[in-house]
């Protein structure tokens, strides 16, 4: 009986931890993190290993990206400067799509 209770406690803790990680690290975040070396570097042409993941995320995870761009404080909590993220979206050719979801966000 004690082993079953212990196993249940471990499963509850594990489930809570996994849910927290999922909320804390949006799935589309990695697409922006691949551009991390370029957030503050405006003089470099962005390589494909930066733009391709972002373009793929726009195609497959747009709601997630919109959530990130609509909460600049969430971006900054991952050390992603909002202005840098917008500049990268522009240079990767997806700024119009990102701008549409930002402008469609409800006002607070």
PDB file of N, CA and C in Angstrom:
ATOM      1  N   UNK A   1       0.828  -1.199   0.000  1.00  0.00           N
ATOM      2  CA  UNK A   1       0.000   0.000   0.000  1.00  0.00           C
ATOM      3  C   UNK A   1       0.868   1.257   0.000  1.00  0.00           C
ATOM      4  N   UNK A   2       1.916   1.262   0.808  1.00  0.00           N
ATOM      5  CA  UNK A   2       2.804   2.424   0.885  1.00  0.00           C
ATOM      6  C   UNK A   2       3.516   2.652  -0.444  1.00  0.00           C
ATOM      7  N   UNK A   3       3.856   1.557  -1.137  1.00  0.00           N
ATOM      8  CA  UNK A   3       4.530   1.699  -2.426  1.00  0.00           C
ATOM      9  C   UNK A   3       3.598   2.336  -3.456  1.00  0.00           C
ATOM     10  N   UNK A   4       2.320   1.967  -3.423  1.00  0.00           N
ATOM     11  CA  UNK A   4       1.360   2.550  -4.357  1.00  0.00           C
ATOM     12  C   UNK A   4       1.182   4.040  -4.088  1.00  0.00           C
ATOM     13  N   UNK A   5       1.133   4.412  -2.826  1.00  0.00           N
ATOM     14  CA  UNK A   5       0.994   5.834  -2.479  1.00  0.00           C
ATOM     15  C   UNK A   5       2.228   6.615  -2.918  1.00  0.00           C
ATOM     16  N   UNK A   6       3.390   6.028  -2.708  1.00  0.00           N
ATOM     17  CA  UNK A   6       4.631   6.681  -3.114  1.00  0.00           C
ATOM     18  C   UNK A   6       4.664   6.850  -4.631  1.00  0.00           C
ATOM     19  N   UNK A   7       4.257   5.815  -5.359  1.00  0.00           N
ATOM     20  CA  UNK A   7       4.234   5.880  -6.813  1.00  0.00           C
ATOM     21  C   UNK A   7       3.253   6.958  -7.282  1.00  0.00           C
ATOM     22  N   UNK A   8       2.108   7.049  -6.666  1.00  0.00           N
ATOM     23  CA  UNK A   8       1.130   8.078  -7.022  1.00  0.00           C
ATOM     24  C   UNK A   8       1.694   9.474  -6.774  1.00  0.00           C
ATOM     25  N   UNK A   9       2.372   9.651  -5.650  1.00  0.00           N
ATOM     26  CA  UNK A   9       2.962  10.949  -5.335  1.00  0.00           C
ATOM     27  C   UNK A   9       4.013  11.329  -6.377  1.00  0.00           C
ATOM     28  N   UNK A  10       4.832  10.367  -6.775  1.00  0.00           N
ATOM     29  CA  UNK A  10       5.864  10.621  -7.781  1.00  0.00           C
ATOM     30  C   UNK A  10       5.212  10.997  -9.115  1.00  0.00           C
ATOM     31  N   UNK A  11       4.160  10.281  -9.497  1.00  0.00           N
ATOM     32  CA  UNK A  11       3.478  10.584 -10.750  1.00  0.00           C
ATOM     33  C   UNK A  11       2.834  11.965 -10.729  1.00  0.00           C
ATOM     34  N   UNK A  12       2.249  12.347  -9.617  1.00  0.00           N
ATOM     35  CA  UNK A  12       1.643  13.681  -9.505  1.00  0.00           C
ATOM     36  C   UNK A  12       2.710  14.758  -9.621  1.00  0.00           C
ATOM     37  N   UNK A  13       3.811  14.574  -8.931  1.00  0.00           N
ATOM     38  CA  UNK A  13       4.908  15.559  -8.986  1.00  0.00           C
ATOM     39  C   UNK A  13       5.475  15.627 -10.397  1.00  0.00           C
ATOM     40  N   UNK A  14       5.684  14.478 -11.021  1.00  0.00           N
ATOM     41  CA  UNK A  14       6.224  14.440 -12.371  1.00  0.00           C
ATOM     42  C   UNK A  14       5.275  15.120 -13.348  1.00  0.00           C
ATOM     43  N   UNK A  15       3.988  14.841 -13.231  1.00  0.00           N
ATOM     44  CA  UNK A  15       3.002  15.471 -14.106  1.00  0.00           C
ATOM     45  C   UNK A  15       2.962  16.965 -13.932  1.00  0.00           C
ATOM     46  N   UNK A  16       3.037  17.445 -12.706  1.00  0.00           N
ATOM     47  CA  UNK A  16       3.044  18.883 -12.439  1.00  0.00           C
ATOM     48  C   UNK A  16       4.294  19.525 -13.009  1.00  0.00           C
ATOM     49  N   UNK A  17       5.422  18.871 -12.849  1.00  0.00           N
ATOM     50  CA  UNK A  17       6.683  19.409 -13.365  1.00  0.00           C
ATOM     51  C   UNK A  17       6.639  19.486 -14.883  1.00  0.00           C
ATOM     52  N   UNK A  18       6.138  18.460 -15.525  1.00  0.00           N
ATOM     53  CA  UNK A  18       6.068  18.472 -16.986  1.00  0.00           C
ATOM     54  C   UNK A  18       5.138  19.564 -17.480  1.00  0.00           C
ATOM     55  N   UNK A  19       4.021  19.782 -16.822  1.00  0.00           N
ATOM     56  CA  UNK A  19       3.097  20.848 -17.213  1.00  0.00           C
ATOM     57  C   UNK A  19       3.752  22.205 -17.044  1.00  0.00           C
ATOM     58  N   UNK A  20       4.498  22.382 -15.983  1.00  0.00           N
ATOM     59  CA  UNK A  20       5.185  23.650 -15.740  1.00  0.00           C
ATOM     60  C   UNK A  20       6.228  23.918 -16.814  1.00  0.00           C
ATOM     61  N   UNK A  21       6.977  22.906 -17.193  1.00  0.00           N
ATOM     62  CA  UNK A  21       7.993  23.075 -18.228  1.00  0.00           C
ATOM     63  C   UNK A  21       7.336  23.436 -19.553  1.00  0.00           C
ATOM     64  N   UNK A  22       6.219  22.810 -19.878  1.00  0.00           N
ATOM     65  CA  UNK A  22       5.532  23.103 -21.124  1.00  0.00           C
ATOM     66  C   UNK A  22       5.062  24.545 -21.162  1.00  0.00           C
ATOM     67  N   UNK A  23       4.517  25.039 -20.071  1.00  0.00           N
ATOM     68  CA  UNK A  23       4.054  26.424 -20.015  1.00  0.00           C
ATOM     69  C   UNK A  23       5.238  27.378 -20.018  1.00  0.00           C
ATOM     70  N   UNK A  24       6.286  27.027 -19.304  1.00  0.00           N
ATOM     71  CA  UNK A  24       7.432  27.920 -19.170  1.00  0.00           C
ATOM     72  C   UNK A  24       8.252  28.004 -20.453  1.00  0.00           C
ATOM     73  N   UNK A  25       8.238  26.972 -21.279  1.00  0.00           N
ATOM     74  CA  UNK A  25       9.015  26.956 -22.505  1.00  0.00           C
ATOM     75  C   UNK A  25       8.103  26.675 -23.692  1.00  0.00           C
ATOM     76  N   UNK A  26       7.501  27.713 -24.258  1.00  0.00           N
ATOM     77  CA  UNK A  26       6.627  27.493 -25.406  1.00  0.00           C
ATOM     78  C   UNK A  26       7.368  26.731 -26.502  1.00  0.00           C
ATOM     79  N   UNK A  27       6.650  25.881 -27.212  1.00  0.00           N
ATOM     80  CA  UNK A  27       7.294  25.033 -28.210  1.00  0.00           C
ATOM     81  C   UNK A  27       7.949  25.829 -29.336  1.00  0.00           C
ATOM     82  N   UNK A  28       7.422  26.984 -29.659  1.00  0.00           N
ATOM     83  CA  UNK A  28       7.981  27.776 -30.753  1.00  0.00           C
ATOM     84  C   UNK A  28       9.188  28.604 -30.315  1.00  0.00           C
ATOM     85  N   UNK A  29       9.481  28.589 -29.050  1.00  0.00           N
ATOM     86  CA  UNK A  29      10.594  29.387 -28.530  1.00  0.00           C
ATOM     87  C   UNK A  29      11.920  29.012 -29.188  1.00  0.00           C
ATOM     88  N   UNK A  30      12.114  27.739 -29.450  1.00  0.00           N
ATOM     89  CA  UNK A  30      13.370  27.285 -30.050  1.00  0.00           C
ATOM     90  C   UNK A  30      13.619  27.935 -31.404  1.00  0.00           C
ATOM     91  N   UNK A  31      12.548  28.233 -32.137  1.00  0.00           N
ATOM     92  CA  UNK A  31      12.732  28.860 -33.445  1.00  0.00           C
ATOM     93  C   UNK A  31      13.361  30.239 -33.323  1.00  0.00           C
ATOM     94  N   UNK A  32      13.053  30.940 -32.245  1.00  0.00           N
ATOM     95  CA  UNK A  32      13.684  32.241 -32.007  1.00  0.00           C
ATOM     96  C   UNK A  32      15.067  32.085 -31.403  1.00  0.00           C
ATOM     97  N   UNK A  33      15.242  31.073 -30.569  1.00  0.00           N
ATOM     98  CA  UNK A  33      16.536  30.893 -29.903  1.00  0.00           C
ATOM     99  C   UNK A  33      17.644  30.554 -30.903  1.00  0.00           C
ATOM    100  N   UNK A  34      17.276  29.976 -32.042  1.00  0.00           N
ATOM    101  CA  UNK A  34      18.294  29.695 -33.048  1.00  0.00           C
ATOM    102  C   UNK A  34      18.890  30.986 -33.611  1.00  0.00           C
ATOM    103  N   UNK A  35      18.211  32.110 -33.372  1.00  0.00           N
ATOM    104  CA  UNK A  35      18.689  33.413 -33.840  1.00  0.00           C
ATOM    105  C   UNK A  35      19.356  34.222 -32.726  1.00  0.00           C
ATOM    106  N   UNK A  36      19.534  33.627 -31.574  1.00  0.00           N
ATOM    107  CA  UNK A  36      20.067  34.352 -30.414  1.00  0.00           C
ATOM    108  C   UNK A  36      21.344  35.138 -30.688  1.00  0.00           C
ATOM    109  N   UNK A  37      22.298  34.610 -31.441  1.00  0.00           N
ATOM    110  CA  UNK A  37      23.518  35.396 -31.671  1.00  0.00           C
ATOM    111  C   UNK A  37      23.284  36.688 -32.451  1.00  0.00           C
ATOM    112  N   UNK A  38      22.093  36.837 -33.029  1.00  0.00           N
ATOM    113  CA  UNK A  38      21.827  37.964 -33.916  1.00  0.00           C
ATOM    114  C   UNK A  38      20.836  38.978 -33.344  1.00  0.00           C
ATOM    115  N   UNK A  39      20.337  38.763 -32.120  1.00  0.00           N
ATOM    116  CA  UNK A  39      19.353  39.683 -31.551  1.00  0.00           C
ATOM    117  C   UNK A  39      19.876  41.106 -31.482  1.00  0.00           C
ATOM    118  N   UNK A  40      21.119  41.272 -31.127  1.00  0.00           N
ATOM    119  CA  UNK A  40      21.678  42.610 -30.962  1.00  0.00           C
ATOM    120  C   UNK A  40      22.698  42.958 -32.039  1.00  0.00           C
ATOM    121  N   UNK A  41      22.827  42.121 -33.042  1.00  0.00           N
ATOM    122  CA  UNK A  41      23.791  42.343 -34.107  1.00  0.00           C
ATOM    123  C   UNK A  41      23.028  42.704 -35.378  1.00  0.00           C
ATOM    124  N   UNK A  42      22.995  43.970 -35.692  1.00  0.00           N
ATOM    125  CA  UNK A  42      22.200  44.443 -36.830  1.00  0.00           C
ATOM    126  C   UNK A  42      22.980  44.457 -38.142  1.00  0.00           C
ATOM    127  N   UNK A  43      24.274  44.169 -38.091  1.00  0.00           N
ATOM    128  CA  UNK A  43      25.116  44.290 -39.280  1.00  0.00           C
ATOM    129  C   UNK A  43      25.340  42.977 -40.016  1.00  0.00           C
ATOM    130  N   UNK A  44      24.681  41.915 -39.603  1.00  0.00           N
ATOM    131  CA  UNK A  44      24.944  40.599 -40.171  1.00  0.00           C
ATOM    132  C   UNK A  44      23.749  40.129 -40.991  1.00  0.00           C
ATOM    133  N   UNK A  45      24.043  39.534 -42.137  1.00  0.00           N
ATOM    134  CA  UNK A  45      22.990  38.870 -42.906  1.00  0.00           C
ATOM    135  C   UNK A  45      22.670  37.571 -42.165  1.00  0.00           C
ATOM    136  N   UNK A  46      21.399  37.343 -41.901  1.00  0.00           N
ATOM    137  CA  UNK A  46      21.005  36.175 -41.122  1.00  0.00           C
ATOM    138  C   UNK A  46      21.168  34.897 -41.932  1.00  0.00           C
ATOM    139  N   UNK A  47      21.770  33.877 -41.323  1.00  0.00           N
ATOM    140  CA  UNK A  47      21.949  32.609 -42.028  1.00  0.00           C
ATOM    141  C   UNK A  47      20.651  31.793 -42.029  1.00  0.00           C
ATOM    142  N   UNK A  48      20.627  30.772 -42.872  1.00  0.00           N
ATOM    143  CA  UNK A  48      19.452  29.907 -42.958  1.00  0.00           C
ATOM    144  C   UNK A  48      19.150  29.212 -41.639  1.00  0.00           C
ATOM    145  N   UNK A  49      20.184  28.897 -40.849  1.00  0.00           N
ATOM    146  CA  UNK A  49      19.909  28.192 -39.589  1.00  0.00           C
ATOM    147  C   UNK A  49      19.226  29.090 -38.570  1.00  0.00           C
ATOM    148  N   UNK A  50      19.107  30.361 -38.861  1.00  0.00           N
ATOM    149  CA  UNK A  50      18.294  31.272 -38.049  1.00  0.00           C
ATOM    150  C   UNK A  50      16.903  31.403 -38.661  1.00  0.00           C
ATOM    151  N   UNK A  51      16.838  31.715 -39.948  1.00  0.00           N
ATOM    152  CA  UNK A  51      15.550  32.012 -40.589  1.00  0.00           C
ATOM    153  C   UNK A  51      14.680  30.788 -40.847  1.00  0.00           C
ATOM    154  N   UNK A  52      15.263  29.680 -41.236  1.00  0.00           N
ATOM    155  CA  UNK A  52      14.455  28.502 -41.572  1.00  0.00           C
ATOM    156  C   UNK A  52      13.601  28.024 -40.404  1.00  0.00           C
ATOM    157  N   UNK A  53      14.153  27.894 -39.177  1.00  0.00           N
ATOM    158  CA  UNK A  53      13.298  27.477 -38.061  1.00  0.00           C
ATOM    159  C   UNK A  53      12.184  28.485 -37.764  1.00  0.00           C
ATOM    160  N   UNK A  54      12.470  29.760 -37.913  1.00  0.00           N
ATOM    161  CA  UNK A  54      11.447  30.779 -37.676  1.00  0.00           C
ATOM    162  C   UNK A  54      10.352  30.700 -38.736  1.00  0.00           C
ATOM    163  N   UNK A  55      10.747  30.532 -39.979  1.00  0.00           N
ATOM    164  CA  UNK A  55       9.764  30.399 -41.054  1.00  0.00           C
ATOM    165  C   UNK A  55       8.924  29.135 -40.868  1.00  0.00           C
ATOM    166  N   UNK A  56       9.551  28.069 -40.413  1.00  0.00           N
ATOM    167  CA  UNK A  56       8.822  26.822 -40.153  1.00  0.00           C
ATOM    168  C   UNK A  56       7.835  27.019 -39.003  1.00  0.00           C
ATOM    169  N   UNK A  57       8.250  27.732 -37.973  1.00  0.00           N
ATOM    170  CA  UNK A  57       7.363  27.989 -36.835  1.00  0.00           C
ATOM    171  C   UNK A  57       6.180  28.851 -37.261  1.00  0.00           C
ATOM    172  N   UNK A  58       6.401  29.796 -38.151  1.00  0.00           N
ATOM    173  CA  UNK A  58       5.285  30.614 -38.661  1.00  0.00           C
ATOM    174  C   UNK A  58       4.289  29.714 -39.387  1.00  0.00           C
ATOM    175  N   UNK A  59       4.801  28.741 -40.118  1.00  0.00           N
ATOM    176  CA  UNK A  59       3.928  27.843 -40.881  1.00  0.00           C
ATOM    177  C   UNK A  59       3.195  26.842 -39.988  1.00  0.00           C
ATOM    178  N   UNK A  60       3.826  26.437 -38.882  1.00  0.00           N
ATOM    179  CA  UNK A  60       3.242  25.339 -38.090  1.00  0.00           C
ATOM    180  C   UNK A  60       2.841  25.712 -36.667  1.00  0.00           C
ATOM    181  N   UNK A  61       3.378  26.816 -36.145  1.00  0.00           N
ATOM    182  CA  UNK A  61       3.123  27.182 -34.751  1.00  0.00           C
ATOM    183  C   UNK A  61       2.824  28.673 -34.608  1.00  0.00           C
ATOM    184  N   UNK A  62       2.024  29.193 -35.505  1.00  0.00           N
ATOM    185  CA  UNK A  62       1.769  30.635 -35.526  1.00  0.00           C
ATOM    186  C   UNK A  62       1.112  31.124 -34.235  1.00  0.00           C
ATOM    187  N   UNK A  63       0.197  30.375 -33.686  1.00  0.00           N
ATOM    188  CA  UNK A  63      -0.469  30.803 -32.449  1.00  0.00           C
ATOM    189  C   UNK A  63       0.555  30.944 -31.323  1.00  0.00           C
ATOM    190  N   UNK A  64       1.472  30.016 -31.248  1.00  0.00           N
ATOM    191  CA  UNK A  64       2.523  30.083 -30.230  1.00  0.00           C
ATOM    192  C   UNK A  64       3.387  31.331 -30.436  1.00  0.00           C
ATOM    193  N   UNK A  65       3.818  31.576 -31.668  1.00  0.00           N
ATOM    194  CA  UNK A  65       4.635  32.762 -31.952  1.00  0.00           C
ATOM    195  C   UNK A  65       3.874  34.047 -31.650  1.00  0.00           C
ATOM    196  N   UNK A  66       2.602  34.075 -32.024  1.00  0.00           N
ATOM    197  CA  UNK A  66       1.799  35.267 -31.747  1.00  0.00           C
ATOM    198  C   UNK A  66       1.734  35.522 -30.245  1.00  0.00           C
ATOM    199  N   UNK A  67       1.603  34.465 -29.487  1.00  0.00           N
ATOM    200  CA  UNK A  67       1.573  34.617 -28.027  1.00  0.00           C
ATOM    201  C   UNK A  67       2.866  35.233 -27.516  1.00  0.00           C
ATOM    202  N   UNK A  68       3.979  34.779 -28.054  1.00  0.00           N
ATOM    203  CA  UNK A  68       5.275  35.346 -27.637  1.00  0.00           C
ATOM    204  C   UNK A  68       5.379  36.823 -28.007  1.00  0.00           C
ATOM    205  N   UNK A  69       5.022  37.146 -29.237  1.00  0.00           N
ATOM    206  CA  UNK A  69       5.156  38.531 -29.698  1.00  0.00           C
ATOM    207  C   UNK A  69       4.131  39.456 -29.055  1.00  0.00           C
ATOM    208  N   UNK A  70       3.027  38.907 -28.598  1.00  0.00           N
ATOM    209  CA  UNK A  70       2.026  39.728 -27.922  1.00  0.00           C
ATOM    210  C   UNK A  70       2.340  39.944 -26.450  1.00  0.00           C
ATOM    211  N   UNK A  71       3.344  39.258 -25.940  1.00  0.00           N
ATOM    212  CA  UNK A  71       3.765  39.429 -24.547  1.00  0.00           C
ATOM    213  C   UNK A  71       5.264  39.718 -24.504  1.00  0.00           C
ATOM    214  N   UNK A  72       5.657  40.953 -24.790  1.00  0.00           N
ATOM    215  CA  UNK A  72       7.078  41.282 -24.787  1.00  0.00           C
ATOM    216  C   UNK A  72       7.780  40.887 -23.486  1.00  0.00           C
ATOM    217  N   UNK A  73       7.060  40.932 -22.366  1.00  0.00           N
ATOM    218  CA  UNK A  73       7.683  40.541 -21.100  1.00  0.00           C
ATOM    219  C   UNK A  73       8.024  39.054 -21.087  1.00  0.00           C
ATOM    220  N   UNK A  74       7.231  38.234 -21.790  1.00  0.00           N
ATOM    221  CA  UNK A  74       7.544  36.808 -21.895  1.00  0.00           C
ATOM    222  C   UNK A  74       8.801  36.614 -22.731  1.00  0.00           C
ATOM    223  N   UNK A  75       8.894  37.336 -23.835  1.00  0.00           N
ATOM    224  CA  UNK A  75      10.120  37.275 -24.640  1.00  0.00           C
ATOM    225  C   UNK A  75      11.330  37.661 -23.811  1.00  0.00           C
ATOM    226  N   UNK A  76      11.227  38.758 -23.089  1.00  0.00           N
ATOM    227  CA  UNK A  76      12.374  39.224 -22.305  1.00  0.00           C
ATOM    228  C   UNK A  76      12.726  38.255 -21.176  1.00  0.00           C
ATOM    229  N   UNK A  77      11.746  37.494 -20.699  1.00  0.00           N
ATOM    230  CA  UNK A  77      12.063  36.519 -19.647  1.00  0.00           C
ATOM    231  C   UNK A  77      12.966  35.412 -20.177  1.00  0.00           C
ATOM    232  N   UNK A  78      13.021  35.250 -21.492  1.00  0.00           N
ATOM    233  CA  UNK A  78      13.923  34.288 -22.117  1.00  0.00           C
ATOM    234  C   UNK A  78      15.135  34.994 -22.733  1.00  0.00           C
ATOM    235  N   UNK A  79      15.386  36.225 -22.322  1.00  0.00           N
ATOM    236  CA  UNK A  79      16.492  37.045 -22.824  1.00  0.00           C
ATOM    237  C   UNK A  79      16.401  37.282 -24.331  1.00  0.00           C
ATOM    238  N   UNK A  80      15.181  37.452 -24.807  1.00  0.00           N
ATOM    239  CA  UNK A  80      14.960  37.785 -26.209  1.00  0.00           C
ATOM    240  C   UNK A  80      14.439  39.213 -26.256  1.00  0.00           C
ATOM    241  N   UNK A  81      15.239  40.149 -26.768  1.00  0.00           N
ATOM    242  CA  UNK A  81      14.755  41.527 -26.855  1.00  0.00           C
ATOM    243  C   UNK A  81      13.661  41.645 -27.905  1.00  0.00           C
ATOM    244  N   UNK A  82      12.578  42.286 -27.533  1.00  0.00           N
ATOM    245  CA  UNK A  82      11.420  42.420 -28.423  1.00  0.00           C
ATOM    246  C   UNK A  82      11.799  43.062 -29.751  1.00  0.00           C
ATOM    247  N   UNK A  83      12.537  44.149 -29.700  1.00  0.00           N
ATOM    248  CA  UNK A  83      12.930  44.856 -30.922  1.00  0.00           C
ATOM    249  C   UNK A  83      13.811  43.949 -31.785  1.00  0.00           C
ATOM    250  N   UNK A  84      14.711  43.222 -31.147  1.00  0.00           N
ATOM    251  CA  UNK A  84      15.567  42.291 -31.889  1.00  0.00           C
ATOM    252  C   UNK A  84      14.763  41.182 -32.541  1.00  0.00           C
ATOM    253  N   UNK A  85      13.763  40.666 -31.842  1.00  0.00           N
ATOM    254  CA  UNK A  85      12.917  39.608 -32.403  1.00  0.00           C
ATOM    255  C   UNK A  85      12.127  40.125 -33.607  1.00  0.00           C
ATOM    256  N   UNK A  86      11.613  41.334 -33.508  1.00  0.00           N
ATOM    257  CA  UNK A  86      10.894  41.925 -34.647  1.00  0.00           C
ATOM    258  C   UNK A  86      11.827  42.159 -35.834  1.00  0.00           C
ATOM    259  N   UNK A  87      13.029  42.626 -35.554  1.00  0.00           N
ATOM    260  CA  UNK A  87      14.002  42.861 -36.632  1.00  0.00           C
ATOM    261  C   UNK A  87      14.340  41.546 -37.333  1.00  0.00           C
ATOM    262  N   UNK A  88      14.513  40.492 -36.550  1.00  0.00           N
ATOM    263  CA  UNK A  88      14.821  39.186 -37.135  1.00  0.00           C
ATOM    264  C   UNK A  88      13.637  38.677 -37.954  1.00  0.00           C
ATOM    265  N   UNK A  89      12.428  38.851 -37.436  1.00  0.00           N
ATOM    266  CA  UNK A  89      11.236  38.458 -38.200  1.00  0.00           C
ATOM    267  C   UNK A  89      11.198  39.206 -39.534  1.00  0.00           C
ATOM    268  N   UNK A  90      11.578  40.480 -39.517  1.00  0.00           N
ATOM    269  CA  UNK A  90      11.622  41.278 -40.736  1.00  0.00           C
ATOM    270  C   UNK A  90      12.675  40.732 -41.697  1.00  0.00           C
ATOM    271  N   UNK A  91      13.873  40.504 -41.194  1.00  0.00           N
ATOM    272  CA  UNK A  91      14.952  40.034 -42.056  1.00  0.00           C
ATOM    273  C   UNK A  91      14.703  38.624 -42.582  1.00  0.00           C
ATOM    274  N   UNK A  92      13.922  37.836 -41.860  1.00  0.00           N
ATOM    275  CA  UNK A  92      13.599  36.474 -42.307  1.00  0.00           C
ATOM    276  C   UNK A  92      12.354  36.434 -43.183  1.00  0.00           C
ATOM    277  N   UNK A  93      11.734  37.596 -43.410  1.00  0.00           N
ATOM    278  CA  UNK A  93      10.605  37.679 -44.314  1.00  0.00           C
ATOM    279  C   UNK A  93       9.264  37.257 -43.732  1.00  0.00           C
ATOM    280  N   UNK A  94       9.135  37.263 -42.411  1.00  0.00           N
ATOM    281  CA  UNK A  94       7.865  36.855 -41.790  1.00  0.00           C
ATOM    282  C   UNK A  94       7.247  37.962 -40.948  1.00  0.00           C
ATOM    283  N   UNK A  95       7.773  39.170 -41.042  1.00  0.00           N
ATOM    284  CA  UNK A  95       7.293  40.247 -40.179  1.00  0.00           C
ATOM    285  C   UNK A  95       5.834  40.602 -40.456  1.00  0.00           C
ATOM    286  N   UNK A  96       5.384  40.495 -41.714  1.00  0.00           N
ATOM    287  CA  UNK A  96       3.990  40.825 -42.011  1.00  0.00           C
ATOM    288  C   UNK A  96       3.032  39.880 -41.291  1.00  0.00           C
ATOM    289  N   UNK A  97       3.378  38.614 -41.264  1.00  0.00           N
ATOM    290  CA  UNK A  97       2.534  37.625 -40.582  1.00  0.00           C
ATOM    291  C   UNK A  97       2.547  37.878 -39.076  1.00  0.00           C
ATOM    292  N   UNK A  98       3.723  38.137 -38.532  1.00  0.00           N
ATOM    293  CA  UNK A  98       3.844  38.430 -37.100  1.00  0.00           C
ATOM    294  C   UNK A  98       3.101  39.719 -36.773  1.00  0.00           C
ATOM    295  N   UNK A  99       3.242  40.732 -37.612  1.00  0.00           N
ATOM    296  CA  UNK A  99       2.554  42.016 -37.373  1.00  0.00           C
ATOM    297  C   UNK A  99       1.046  41.843 -37.375  1.00  0.00           C
ATOM    298  N   UNK A 100       0.543  40.988 -38.264  1.00  0.00           N
ATOM    299  CA  UNK A 100      -0.902  40.735 -38.304  1.00  0.00           C
ATOM    300  C   UNK A 100      -1.391  40.151 -36.988  1.00  0.00           C
ATOM    301  N   UNK A 101      -0.645  39.218 -36.423  1.00  0.00           N
ATOM    302  CA  UNK A 101      -1.135  38.622 -35.174  1.00  0.00           C
ATOM    303  C   UNK A 101      -0.934  39.570 -33.995  1.00  0.00           C
ATOM    304  N   UNK A 102       0.055  40.442 -34.070  1.00  0.00           N
ATOM    305  CA  UNK A 102       0.228  41.436 -33.000  1.00  0.00           C
ATOM    306  C   UNK A 102      -0.912  42.439 -33.043  1.00  0.00           C
ATOM    307  N   UNK A 103      -1.248  42.913 -34.246  1.00  0.00           N
ATOM    308  CA  UNK A 103      -2.301  43.913 -34.352  1.00  0.00           C
ATOM    309  C   UNK A 103      -3.684  43.322 -34.091  1.00  0.00           C
ATOM    310  N   UNK A 104      -3.814  41.996 -34.215  1.00  0.00           N
ATOM    311  CA  UNK A 104      -5.097  41.338 -33.965  1.00  0.00           C
ATOM    312  C   UNK A 104      -5.312  41.019 -32.492  1.00  0.00           C
ATOM    313  N   UNK A 105      -4.287  41.227 -31.687  1.00  0.00           N
ATOM    314  CA  UNK A 105      -4.399  40.919 -30.267  1.00  0.00           C
ATOM    315  C   UNK A 105      -5.356  41.901 -29.604  1.00  0.00           C
ATOM    316  N   UNK A 106      -6.176  41.406 -28.675  1.00  0.00           N
ATOM    317  CA  UNK A 106      -7.086  42.317 -27.972  1.00  0.00           C
ATOM    318  C   UNK A 106      -6.328  43.298 -27.089  1.00  0.00           C
ATOM    319  N   UNK A 107      -6.831  44.491 -27.001  1.00  0.00           N
ATOM    320  CA  UNK A 107      -6.220  45.512 -26.143  1.00  0.00           C
ATOM    321  C   UNK A 107      -6.479  45.179 -24.684  1.00  0.00           C
ATOM    322  N   UNK A 108      -5.499  45.478 -23.799  1.00  0.00           N
ATOM    323  CA  UNK A 108      -5.706  45.185 -22.378  1.00  0.00           C
ATOM    324  C   UNK A 108      -6.749  46.097 -21.758  1.00  0.00           C
TER     325      UNK A 108
END
